[in-house]
Amino acid sequence: IDTDPQAAETVVEDLAEVFRASLNEVQNKVPLQEEIDLCRRYLNIEQLRLGARLEVIWDIPTTLAPNSTIPMLTIQPVLENAIHHGIQHLPEGGAMTIRIRFDGPWISIKIRNPIPNTAVQRSRGNHIALDNIRHRLTALYGANASLKQRIEASWFCVEIRYHMQTTIT
């Protein structure tokens, strides 16, 4: 706080937004831009912690599809996993890519992060966050949504795809 009061104030504001979102009903859908803004706040916090070891590459359209929504806290937990299970274990850090594409009424979100080479650091975790997201997508969109995870060379990839106009009632 003494060395950089402006950064400290920004972190407190970012933390407040992330906590506020975590207390909301996760079944709620929010505008996609709102979820992206929340993710940027979360990544700002991690950027302060990891410094130059964390590089974030946003590959998203400059204009989002009109009325595009997403279940709240769909992308942020994936980013948190990417840092926790991947980047923070790499001494040199790494780059995380967040790509969003629209194909008519379909939204595709792909998050890639480098993974450690050692077996101990390459722990796959319990997949609780990914399973929770998958279950929420299924509850809201049925067969019109998917969450796939895979390893591509030295990258861990998560791809979320859903039909934004389909909601199961």
N, C-alpha and C. Protein backbone atom coordinates (compact mmCIF):
# COMPACT_ATOMS: atom_id res chain seq x y z
N ILE A 1 0.83 -1.18 0.00
CA ILE A 1 0.00 0.00 0.00
C ILE A 1 0.88 1.25 0.00
N ASP A 2 1.96 1.22 0.80
CA ASP A 2 2.84 2.39 0.87
C ASP A 2 3.58 2.63 -0.44
N THR A 3 4.00 1.57 -1.10
CA THR A 3 4.81 1.75 -2.32
C THR A 3 3.99 2.10 -3.54
N ASP A 4 2.74 1.63 -3.61
CA ASP A 4 1.92 1.93 -4.77
C ASP A 4 0.44 1.99 -4.36
N PRO A 5 0.02 3.09 -3.76
CA PRO A 5 -1.36 3.17 -3.27
C PRO A 5 -2.39 3.02 -4.38
N GLN A 6 -2.11 3.51 -5.58
CA GLN A 6 -3.07 3.39 -6.69
C GLN A 6 -3.29 1.93 -7.07
N ALA A 7 -2.19 1.16 -7.15
CA ALA A 7 -2.31 -0.26 -7.46
C ALA A 7 -3.07 -0.99 -6.36
N ALA A 8 -2.81 -0.63 -5.10
CA ALA A 8 -3.51 -1.25 -3.99
C ALA A 8 -5.01 -0.98 -4.07
N GLU A 9 -5.38 0.24 -4.39
CA GLU A 9 -6.79 0.58 -4.51
C GLU A 9 -7.44 -0.19 -5.65
N THR A 10 -6.74 -0.30 -6.77
CA THR A 10 -7.27 -1.04 -7.92
C THR A 10 -7.47 -2.52 -7.58
N VAL A 11 -6.52 -3.11 -6.87
CA VAL A 11 -6.64 -4.52 -6.49
C VAL A 11 -7.84 -4.72 -5.57
N VAL A 12 -8.04 -3.83 -4.63
CA VAL A 12 -9.18 -3.94 -3.72
C VAL A 12 -10.49 -3.86 -4.51
N GLU A 13 -10.56 -2.94 -5.47
CA GLU A 13 -11.76 -2.82 -6.30
C GLU A 13 -11.97 -4.09 -7.14
N ASP A 14 -10.89 -4.61 -7.72
CA ASP A 14 -11.00 -5.84 -8.53
C ASP A 14 -11.42 -7.02 -7.67
N LEU A 15 -10.83 -7.15 -6.48
CA LEU A 15 -11.21 -8.23 -5.57
C LEU A 15 -12.68 -8.12 -5.18
N ALA A 16 -13.14 -6.91 -4.92
CA ALA A 16 -14.55 -6.72 -4.55
C ALA A 16 -15.47 -7.19 -5.66
N GLU A 17 -15.14 -6.89 -6.91
CA GLU A 17 -15.98 -7.32 -8.03
C GLU A 17 -15.97 -8.84 -8.19
N VAL A 18 -14.80 -9.46 -8.03
CA VAL A 18 -14.72 -10.92 -8.15
C VAL A 18 -15.52 -11.58 -7.03
N PHE A 19 -15.37 -11.09 -5.80
CA PHE A 19 -16.14 -11.65 -4.68
C PHE A 19 -17.63 -11.42 -4.86
N ARG A 20 -18.02 -10.25 -5.32
CA ARG A 20 -19.44 -9.95 -5.54
C ARG A 20 -20.03 -10.94 -6.54
N ALA A 21 -19.30 -11.19 -7.61
CA ALA A 21 -19.78 -12.14 -8.62
C ALA A 21 -19.89 -13.54 -8.04
N SER A 22 -18.95 -13.93 -7.19
CA SER A 22 -18.98 -15.29 -6.63
C SER A 22 -20.15 -15.48 -5.68
N LEU A 23 -20.68 -14.40 -5.13
CA LEU A 23 -21.82 -14.50 -4.22
C LEU A 23 -23.16 -14.51 -4.94
N ASN A 24 -23.18 -14.14 -6.19
CA ASN A 24 -24.41 -14.13 -6.98
C ASN A 24 -24.81 -15.54 -7.36
N GLU A 25 -26.02 -15.70 -7.77
CA GLU A 25 -26.54 -16.99 -8.23
C GLU A 25 -25.83 -17.37 -9.53
N VAL A 26 -25.12 -18.50 -9.54
CA VAL A 26 -24.33 -18.88 -10.71
C VAL A 26 -25.19 -19.32 -11.89
N GLN A 27 -26.47 -19.57 -11.68
CA GLN A 27 -27.33 -19.93 -12.80
C GLN A 27 -27.71 -18.70 -13.62
N ASN A 28 -27.50 -17.51 -13.07
CA ASN A 28 -27.84 -16.29 -13.79
C ASN A 28 -26.97 -16.13 -15.03
N LYS A 29 -27.60 -15.70 -16.09
CA LYS A 29 -26.83 -15.37 -17.29
C LYS A 29 -26.59 -13.87 -17.27
N VAL A 30 -25.40 -13.50 -17.73
CA VAL A 30 -25.02 -12.09 -17.77
C VAL A 30 -24.55 -11.78 -19.19
N PRO A 31 -24.51 -10.50 -19.55
CA PRO A 31 -23.93 -10.17 -20.85
C PRO A 31 -22.49 -10.69 -20.93
N LEU A 32 -22.11 -11.20 -22.09
CA LEU A 32 -20.77 -11.75 -22.27
C LEU A 32 -19.72 -10.70 -21.91
N GLN A 33 -19.96 -9.44 -22.25
CA GLN A 33 -18.99 -8.38 -21.93
C GLN A 33 -18.77 -8.26 -20.43
N GLU A 34 -19.83 -8.47 -19.65
CA GLU A 34 -19.72 -8.41 -18.19
C GLU A 34 -18.81 -9.52 -17.67
N GLU A 35 -18.94 -10.71 -18.23
CA GLU A 35 -18.07 -11.83 -17.83
C GLU A 35 -16.63 -11.55 -18.24
N ILE A 36 -16.44 -10.99 -19.42
CA ILE A 36 -15.09 -10.63 -19.87
C ILE A 36 -14.48 -9.58 -18.94
N ASP A 37 -15.27 -8.58 -18.56
CA ASP A 37 -14.78 -7.55 -17.65
C ASP A 37 -14.37 -8.14 -16.31
N LEU A 38 -15.17 -9.08 -15.80
CA LEU A 38 -14.85 -9.74 -14.54
C LEU A 38 -13.53 -10.52 -14.69
N CYS A 39 -13.36 -11.19 -15.82
CA CYS A 39 -12.13 -11.94 -16.06
C CYS A 39 -10.92 -11.02 -16.11
N ARG A 40 -11.07 -9.87 -16.74
CA ARG A 40 -9.97 -8.89 -16.79
C ARG A 40 -9.60 -8.43 -15.39
N ARG A 41 -10.59 -8.20 -14.54
CA ARG A 41 -10.31 -7.80 -13.16
C ARG A 41 -9.55 -8.91 -12.42
N TYR A 42 -10.02 -10.14 -12.59
CA TYR A 42 -9.34 -11.26 -11.94
C TYR A 42 -7.90 -11.37 -12.44
N LEU A 43 -7.71 -11.25 -13.73
CA LEU A 43 -6.36 -11.37 -14.29
C LEU A 43 -5.46 -10.20 -13.87
N ASN A 44 -6.04 -9.03 -13.63
CA ASN A 44 -5.25 -7.90 -13.11
C ASN A 44 -4.66 -8.25 -11.74
N ILE A 45 -5.45 -8.92 -10.92
CA ILE A 45 -4.97 -9.35 -9.59
C ILE A 45 -3.83 -10.34 -9.75
N GLU A 46 -4.03 -11.34 -10.61
CA GLU A 46 -2.99 -12.35 -10.83
C GLU A 46 -1.74 -11.74 -11.47
N GLN A 47 -1.93 -10.73 -12.30
CA GLN A 47 -0.80 -10.06 -12.94
C GLN A 47 0.08 -9.40 -11.88
N LEU A 48 -0.53 -8.81 -10.87
CA LEU A 48 0.26 -8.21 -9.79
C LEU A 48 1.03 -9.28 -9.03
N ARG A 49 0.42 -10.43 -8.85
CA ARG A 49 1.08 -11.52 -8.11
C ARG A 49 2.20 -12.15 -8.91
N LEU A 50 1.96 -12.40 -10.19
CA LEU A 50 2.92 -13.13 -11.01
C LEU A 50 3.83 -12.23 -11.85
N GLY A 51 3.45 -10.99 -12.01
CA GLY A 51 4.29 -10.05 -12.77
C GLY A 51 4.49 -10.49 -14.20
N ALA A 52 5.71 -10.38 -14.66
CA ALA A 52 6.05 -10.70 -16.06
C ALA A 52 5.89 -12.19 -16.38
N ARG A 53 5.71 -13.03 -15.36
CA ARG A 53 5.53 -14.46 -15.61
C ARG A 53 4.18 -14.78 -16.23
N LEU A 54 3.24 -13.84 -16.16
CA LEU A 54 1.90 -14.07 -16.72
C LEU A 54 1.68 -13.14 -17.91
N GLU A 55 1.47 -13.75 -19.05
CA GLU A 55 1.10 -12.99 -20.24
C GLU A 55 -0.30 -13.45 -20.64
N VAL A 56 -1.18 -12.50 -20.93
CA VAL A 56 -2.54 -12.82 -21.32
C VAL A 56 -2.77 -12.28 -22.73
N ILE A 57 -3.22 -13.16 -23.61
CA ILE A 57 -3.50 -12.79 -24.99
C ILE A 57 -5.01 -12.92 -25.20
N TRP A 58 -5.65 -11.79 -25.44
CA TRP A 58 -7.10 -11.78 -25.71
C TRP A 58 -7.29 -11.79 -27.22
N ASP A 59 -7.99 -12.79 -27.70
CA ASP A 59 -8.31 -12.91 -29.12
C ASP A 59 -9.84 -12.93 -29.23
N ILE A 60 -10.42 -11.74 -29.13
CA ILE A 60 -11.88 -11.63 -29.15
C ILE A 60 -12.28 -10.56 -30.15
N PRO A 61 -13.47 -10.69 -30.71
CA PRO A 61 -13.94 -9.67 -31.66
C PRO A 61 -14.04 -8.31 -30.97
N THR A 62 -13.81 -7.26 -31.73
CA THR A 62 -13.93 -5.91 -31.16
C THR A 62 -15.38 -5.60 -30.80
N THR A 63 -16.30 -6.19 -31.52
CA THR A 63 -17.73 -6.04 -31.22
C THR A 63 -18.31 -7.42 -30.96
N LEU A 64 -18.96 -7.56 -29.82
CA LEU A 64 -19.57 -8.84 -29.48
C LEU A 64 -20.93 -8.95 -30.16
N ALA A 65 -21.35 -10.19 -30.37
CA ALA A 65 -22.66 -10.42 -30.97
C ALA A 65 -23.73 -9.78 -30.10
N PRO A 66 -24.72 -9.15 -30.74
CA PRO A 66 -25.78 -8.51 -29.96
C PRO A 66 -26.49 -9.53 -29.06
N ASN A 67 -26.81 -9.11 -27.87
CA ASN A 67 -27.54 -9.95 -26.92
C ASN A 67 -26.80 -11.22 -26.53
N SER A 68 -25.47 -11.27 -26.70
CA SER A 68 -24.74 -12.47 -26.29
C SER A 68 -24.62 -12.50 -24.77
N THR A 69 -25.03 -13.63 -24.21
CA THR A 69 -24.98 -13.82 -22.76
C THR A 69 -24.21 -15.09 -22.46
N ILE A 70 -23.89 -15.25 -21.19
CA ILE A 70 -23.15 -16.42 -20.73
C ILE A 70 -23.54 -16.67 -19.27
N PRO A 71 -23.58 -17.92 -18.85
CA PRO A 71 -23.81 -18.15 -17.42
C PRO A 71 -22.68 -17.50 -16.62
N MET A 72 -23.05 -16.80 -15.56
CA MET A 72 -22.08 -16.11 -14.74
C MET A 72 -21.01 -17.08 -14.23
N LEU A 73 -19.79 -16.60 -14.16
CA LEU A 73 -18.64 -17.37 -13.70
C LEU A 73 -18.43 -18.66 -14.50
N THR A 74 -18.45 -18.51 -15.81
CA THR A 74 -18.13 -19.63 -16.69
C THR A 74 -16.67 -19.57 -17.11
N ILE A 75 -16.18 -18.40 -17.49
CA ILE A 75 -14.81 -18.28 -17.99
C ILE A 75 -13.81 -18.12 -16.85
N GLN A 76 -14.13 -17.33 -15.84
CA GLN A 76 -13.18 -17.02 -14.77
C GLN A 76 -12.62 -18.25 -14.07
N PRO A 77 -13.42 -19.25 -13.71
CA PRO A 77 -12.84 -20.44 -13.06
C PRO A 77 -11.86 -21.19 -13.96
N VAL A 78 -12.08 -21.15 -15.28
CA VAL A 78 -11.15 -21.80 -16.20
C VAL A 78 -9.82 -21.06 -16.20
N LEU A 79 -9.88 -19.73 -16.17
CA LEU A 79 -8.66 -18.93 -16.10
C LEU A 79 -7.92 -19.19 -14.79
N GLU A 80 -8.66 -19.28 -13.71
CA GLU A 80 -8.06 -19.57 -12.41
C GLU A 80 -7.34 -20.91 -12.43
N ASN A 81 -7.97 -21.93 -13.02
CA ASN A 81 -7.33 -23.24 -13.15
C ASN A 81 -6.07 -23.16 -14.01
N ALA A 82 -6.15 -22.40 -15.10
CA ALA A 82 -5.00 -22.29 -16.00
C ALA A 82 -3.79 -21.72 -15.27
N ILE A 83 -4.03 -20.77 -14.39
CA ILE A 83 -2.93 -20.19 -13.63
C ILE A 83 -2.49 -21.14 -12.53
N HIS A 84 -3.44 -21.67 -11.78
CA HIS A 84 -3.12 -22.52 -10.62
C HIS A 84 -2.43 -23.82 -11.02
N HIS A 85 -2.90 -24.48 -12.06
CA HIS A 85 -2.34 -25.77 -12.45
C HIS A 85 -1.25 -25.67 -13.51
N GLY A 86 -1.13 -24.50 -14.14
CA GLY A 86 -0.17 -24.37 -15.22
C GLY A 86 0.87 -23.31 -14.99
N ILE A 87 0.52 -22.08 -15.25
CA ILE A 87 1.48 -20.99 -15.33
C ILE A 87 2.26 -20.78 -14.05
N GLN A 88 1.62 -20.83 -12.89
CA GLN A 88 2.36 -20.54 -11.66
C GLN A 88 3.42 -21.59 -11.36
N HIS A 89 3.33 -22.78 -11.95
CA HIS A 89 4.32 -23.83 -11.72
C HIS A 89 5.51 -23.72 -12.68
N LEU A 90 5.41 -22.85 -13.65
CA LEU A 90 6.49 -22.67 -14.62
C LEU A 90 7.39 -21.53 -14.16
N PRO A 91 8.67 -21.80 -13.90
CA PRO A 91 9.56 -20.73 -13.42
C PRO A 91 9.57 -19.50 -14.34
N GLU A 92 9.49 -19.74 -15.63
CA GLU A 92 9.49 -18.62 -16.59
C GLU A 92 8.08 -18.10 -16.85
N GLY A 93 7.07 -18.75 -16.27
CA GLY A 93 5.69 -18.35 -16.52
C GLY A 93 5.24 -18.78 -17.90
N GLY A 94 4.26 -18.07 -18.44
CA GLY A 94 3.77 -18.44 -19.75
C GLY A 94 2.62 -17.55 -20.19
N ALA A 95 2.20 -17.78 -21.41
CA ALA A 95 1.12 -17.00 -22.02
C ALA A 95 -0.17 -17.82 -22.02
N MET A 96 -1.23 -17.17 -21.63
CA MET A 96 -2.56 -17.76 -21.67
C MET A 96 -3.32 -17.06 -22.79
N THR A 97 -4.04 -17.84 -23.60
CA THR A 97 -4.83 -17.26 -24.69
C THR A 97 -6.31 -17.49 -24.42
N ILE A 98 -7.08 -16.43 -24.58
CA ILE A 98 -8.53 -16.52 -24.47
C ILE A 98 -9.09 -16.10 -25.82
N ARG A 99 -9.72 -17.06 -26.52
CA ARG A 99 -10.27 -16.79 -27.85
C ARG A 99 -11.78 -16.97 -27.82
N ILE A 100 -12.49 -15.99 -28.35
CA ILE A 100 -13.95 -16.07 -28.43
C ILE A 100 -14.34 -15.88 -29.88
N ARG A 101 -15.23 -16.76 -30.36
CA ARG A 101 -15.71 -16.69 -31.74
C ARG A 101 -17.23 -16.87 -31.75
N PHE A 102 -17.83 -16.24 -32.74
CA PHE A 102 -19.27 -16.36 -32.96
C PHE A 102 -19.49 -17.02 -34.31
N ASP A 103 -20.35 -18.01 -34.34
CA ASP A 103 -20.73 -18.68 -35.57
C ASP A 103 -22.26 -18.73 -35.58
N GLY A 104 -22.86 -17.66 -36.09
CA GLY A 104 -24.31 -17.54 -36.01
C GLY A 104 -24.71 -17.43 -34.56
N PRO A 105 -25.64 -18.29 -34.11
CA PRO A 105 -26.06 -18.23 -32.71
C PRO A 105 -25.13 -19.00 -31.76
N TRP A 106 -24.06 -19.58 -32.28
CA TRP A 106 -23.14 -20.36 -31.46
C TRP A 106 -22.00 -19.47 -30.96
N ILE A 107 -21.63 -19.68 -29.71
CA ILE A 107 -20.48 -19.01 -29.11
C ILE A 107 -19.46 -20.09 -28.79
N SER A 108 -18.22 -19.84 -29.17
CA SER A 108 -17.12 -20.74 -28.86
C SER A 108 -16.06 -19.97 -28.08
N ILE A 109 -15.68 -20.51 -26.94
CA ILE A 109 -14.67 -19.88 -26.08
C ILE A 109 -13.57 -20.91 -25.86
N LYS A 110 -12.34 -20.56 -26.21
CA LYS A 110 -11.22 -21.49 -26.05
C LYS A 110 -10.15 -20.82 -25.21
N ILE A 111 -9.72 -21.51 -24.16
CA ILE A 111 -8.68 -21.02 -23.27
C ILE A 111 -7.52 -22.02 -23.33
N ARG A 112 -6.33 -21.49 -23.62
CA ARG A 112 -5.12 -22.33 -23.70
C ARG A 112 -4.09 -21.80 -22.72
N ASN A 113 -3.42 -22.73 -22.04
CA ASN A 113 -2.32 -22.35 -21.16
C ASN A 113 -1.23 -23.41 -21.22
N PRO A 114 0.02 -22.99 -21.03
CA PRO A 114 1.10 -23.97 -21.01
C PRO A 114 0.98 -24.83 -19.76
N ILE A 115 1.49 -26.06 -19.85
CA ILE A 115 1.46 -26.95 -18.70
C ILE A 115 2.89 -27.34 -18.35
N PRO A 116 3.14 -27.57 -17.06
CA PRO A 116 4.49 -27.98 -16.63
C PRO A 116 4.86 -29.33 -17.21
N ASN A 117 6.16 -29.56 -17.35
CA ASN A 117 6.64 -30.83 -17.91
C ASN A 117 6.73 -31.94 -16.88
N THR A 118 6.98 -31.63 -15.63
CA THR A 118 7.19 -32.67 -14.63
C THR A 118 5.86 -33.30 -14.22
N ALA A 119 5.94 -34.56 -13.88
CA ALA A 119 4.74 -35.32 -13.53
C ALA A 119 4.07 -34.76 -12.28
N VAL A 120 4.85 -34.35 -11.30
CA VAL A 120 4.28 -33.83 -10.06
C VAL A 120 3.52 -32.54 -10.34
N GLN A 121 4.12 -31.66 -11.12
CA GLN A 121 3.49 -30.39 -11.41
C GLN A 121 2.36 -30.53 -12.42
N ARG A 122 2.34 -31.62 -13.14
CA ARG A 122 1.34 -31.81 -14.18
C ARG A 122 0.06 -32.43 -13.62
N SER A 123 -0.10 -32.34 -12.31
CA SER A 123 -1.29 -32.88 -11.66
C SER A 123 -2.55 -32.38 -12.37
N ARG A 124 -3.43 -33.29 -12.64
CA ARG A 124 -4.65 -32.95 -13.37
C ARG A 124 -5.72 -32.38 -12.47
N GLY A 125 -5.47 -32.37 -11.16
CA GLY A 125 -6.48 -31.82 -10.24
C GLY A 125 -7.71 -32.70 -10.19
N ASN A 126 -8.76 -32.19 -9.60
CA ASN A 126 -10.00 -32.94 -9.44
C ASN A 126 -11.05 -32.61 -10.48
N HIS A 127 -10.81 -31.59 -11.28
CA HIS A 127 -11.74 -31.15 -12.34
C HIS A 127 -13.08 -30.70 -11.79
N ILE A 128 -13.12 -30.28 -10.53
CA ILE A 128 -14.38 -29.85 -9.93
C ILE A 128 -14.92 -28.63 -10.65
N ALA A 129 -14.07 -27.64 -10.90
CA ALA A 129 -14.55 -26.41 -11.57
C ALA A 129 -15.08 -26.73 -12.96
N LEU A 130 -14.34 -27.53 -13.72
CA LEU A 130 -14.78 -27.86 -15.08
C LEU A 130 -16.06 -28.69 -15.06
N ASP A 131 -16.15 -29.62 -14.12
CA ASP A 131 -17.39 -30.41 -14.01
C ASP A 131 -18.58 -29.53 -13.64
N ASN A 132 -18.37 -28.58 -12.72
CA ASN A 132 -19.46 -27.67 -12.35
C ASN A 132 -19.92 -26.83 -13.54
N ILE A 133 -18.97 -26.32 -14.31
CA ILE A 133 -19.33 -25.53 -15.49
C ILE A 133 -20.07 -26.40 -16.49
N ARG A 134 -19.58 -27.61 -16.71
CA ARG A 134 -20.22 -28.54 -17.66
C ARG A 134 -21.66 -28.82 -17.23
N HIS A 135 -21.89 -29.06 -15.93
CA HIS A 135 -23.24 -29.34 -15.43
C HIS A 135 -24.16 -28.13 -15.59
N ARG A 136 -23.65 -26.92 -15.33
CA ARG A 136 -24.47 -25.73 -15.49
C ARG A 136 -24.83 -25.51 -16.95
N LEU A 137 -23.87 -25.73 -17.86
CA LEU A 137 -24.16 -25.58 -19.29
C LEU A 137 -25.22 -26.58 -19.72
N THR A 138 -25.11 -27.81 -19.25
CA THR A 138 -26.10 -28.84 -19.59
C THR A 138 -27.48 -28.48 -19.04
N ALA A 139 -27.51 -27.98 -17.81
CA ALA A 139 -28.79 -27.61 -17.20
C ALA A 139 -29.45 -26.47 -17.97
N LEU A 140 -28.66 -25.53 -18.46
CA LEU A 140 -29.22 -24.37 -19.16
C LEU A 140 -29.46 -24.60 -20.65
N TYR A 141 -28.60 -25.39 -21.29
CA TYR A 141 -28.66 -25.51 -22.76
C TYR A 141 -28.85 -26.94 -23.26
N GLY A 142 -28.82 -27.92 -22.37
CA GLY A 142 -28.98 -29.30 -22.79
C GLY A 142 -27.89 -29.72 -23.76
N ALA A 143 -28.30 -30.38 -24.83
CA ALA A 143 -27.34 -30.88 -25.83
C ALA A 143 -26.75 -29.75 -26.68
N ASN A 144 -27.24 -28.54 -26.51
CA ASN A 144 -26.74 -27.40 -27.28
C ASN A 144 -25.58 -26.69 -26.59
N ALA A 145 -24.84 -27.43 -25.74
CA ALA A 145 -23.67 -26.87 -25.08
C ALA A 145 -22.68 -27.99 -24.81
N SER A 146 -21.41 -27.62 -24.77
CA SER A 146 -20.37 -28.60 -24.44
C SER A 146 -19.18 -27.90 -23.81
N LEU A 147 -18.45 -28.64 -23.01
CA LEU A 147 -17.17 -28.21 -22.48
C LEU A 147 -16.22 -29.37 -22.72
N LYS A 148 -15.21 -29.12 -23.51
CA LYS A 148 -14.22 -30.17 -23.82
C LYS A 148 -12.86 -29.71 -23.34
N GLN A 149 -12.10 -30.65 -22.83
CA GLN A 149 -10.74 -30.37 -22.40
C GLN A 149 -9.81 -31.37 -23.05
N ARG A 150 -8.61 -30.90 -23.37
CA ARG A 150 -7.64 -31.79 -24.00
C ARG A 150 -6.24 -31.20 -23.85
N ILE A 151 -5.26 -32.03 -24.06
CA ILE A 151 -3.87 -31.59 -24.07
C ILE A 151 -3.42 -31.59 -25.52
N GLU A 152 -2.87 -30.47 -25.95
CA GLU A 152 -2.31 -30.32 -27.29
C GLU A 152 -0.83 -30.00 -27.12
N ALA A 153 0.03 -30.99 -27.33
CA ALA A 153 1.48 -30.84 -27.12
C ALA A 153 1.71 -30.39 -25.68
N SER A 154 2.23 -29.19 -25.46
CA SER A 154 2.50 -28.72 -24.10
C SER A 154 1.46 -27.69 -23.64
N TRP A 155 0.27 -27.77 -24.20
CA TRP A 155 -0.81 -26.84 -23.87
C TRP A 155 -2.01 -27.59 -23.33
N PHE A 156 -2.65 -27.02 -22.31
CA PHE A 156 -3.93 -27.52 -21.83
C PHE A 156 -4.99 -26.62 -22.43
N CYS A 157 -5.99 -27.22 -23.05
CA CYS A 157 -7.03 -26.45 -23.74
C CYS A 157 -8.40 -26.81 -23.19
N VAL A 158 -9.20 -25.77 -22.98
CA VAL A 158 -10.59 -25.94 -22.60
C VAL A 158 -11.41 -25.20 -23.63
N GLU A 159 -12.39 -25.88 -24.21
CA GLU A 159 -13.26 -25.23 -25.18
C GLU A 159 -14.71 -25.35 -24.73
N ILE A 160 -15.35 -24.20 -24.62
CA ILE A 160 -16.76 -24.12 -24.24
C ILE A 160 -17.51 -23.67 -25.48
N ARG A 161 -18.58 -24.38 -25.78
CA ARG A 161 -19.37 -24.03 -26.95
C ARG A 161 -20.84 -24.16 -26.57
N TYR A 162 -21.63 -23.14 -26.93
CA TYR A 162 -23.06 -23.21 -26.64
C TYR A 162 -23.84 -22.35 -27.61
N HIS A 163 -25.11 -22.71 -27.73
CA HIS A 163 -26.06 -22.01 -28.60
C HIS A 163 -26.72 -20.95 -27.72
N MET A 164 -26.39 -19.68 -27.96
CA MET A 164 -26.83 -18.65 -27.02
C MET A 164 -28.33 -18.40 -27.02
N GLN A 165 -29.04 -18.87 -28.02
CA GLN A 165 -30.48 -18.63 -28.06
C GLN A 165 -31.29 -19.79 -27.50
N THR A 166 -30.63 -20.85 -27.06
CA THR A 166 -31.34 -22.00 -26.52
C THR A 166 -31.23 -21.99 -25.01
N THR A 167 -32.35 -22.07 -24.35
CA THR A 167 -32.38 -22.21 -22.90
C THR A 167 -33.45 -23.22 -22.55
N ILE A 168 -33.10 -24.16 -21.70
CA ILE A 168 -34.07 -25.15 -21.24
C ILE A 168 -34.85 -24.54 -20.08
N THR A 169 -36.15 -24.67 -20.11
CA THR A 169 -36.96 -24.11 -19.02
C THR A 169 -37.64 -25.20 -18.24
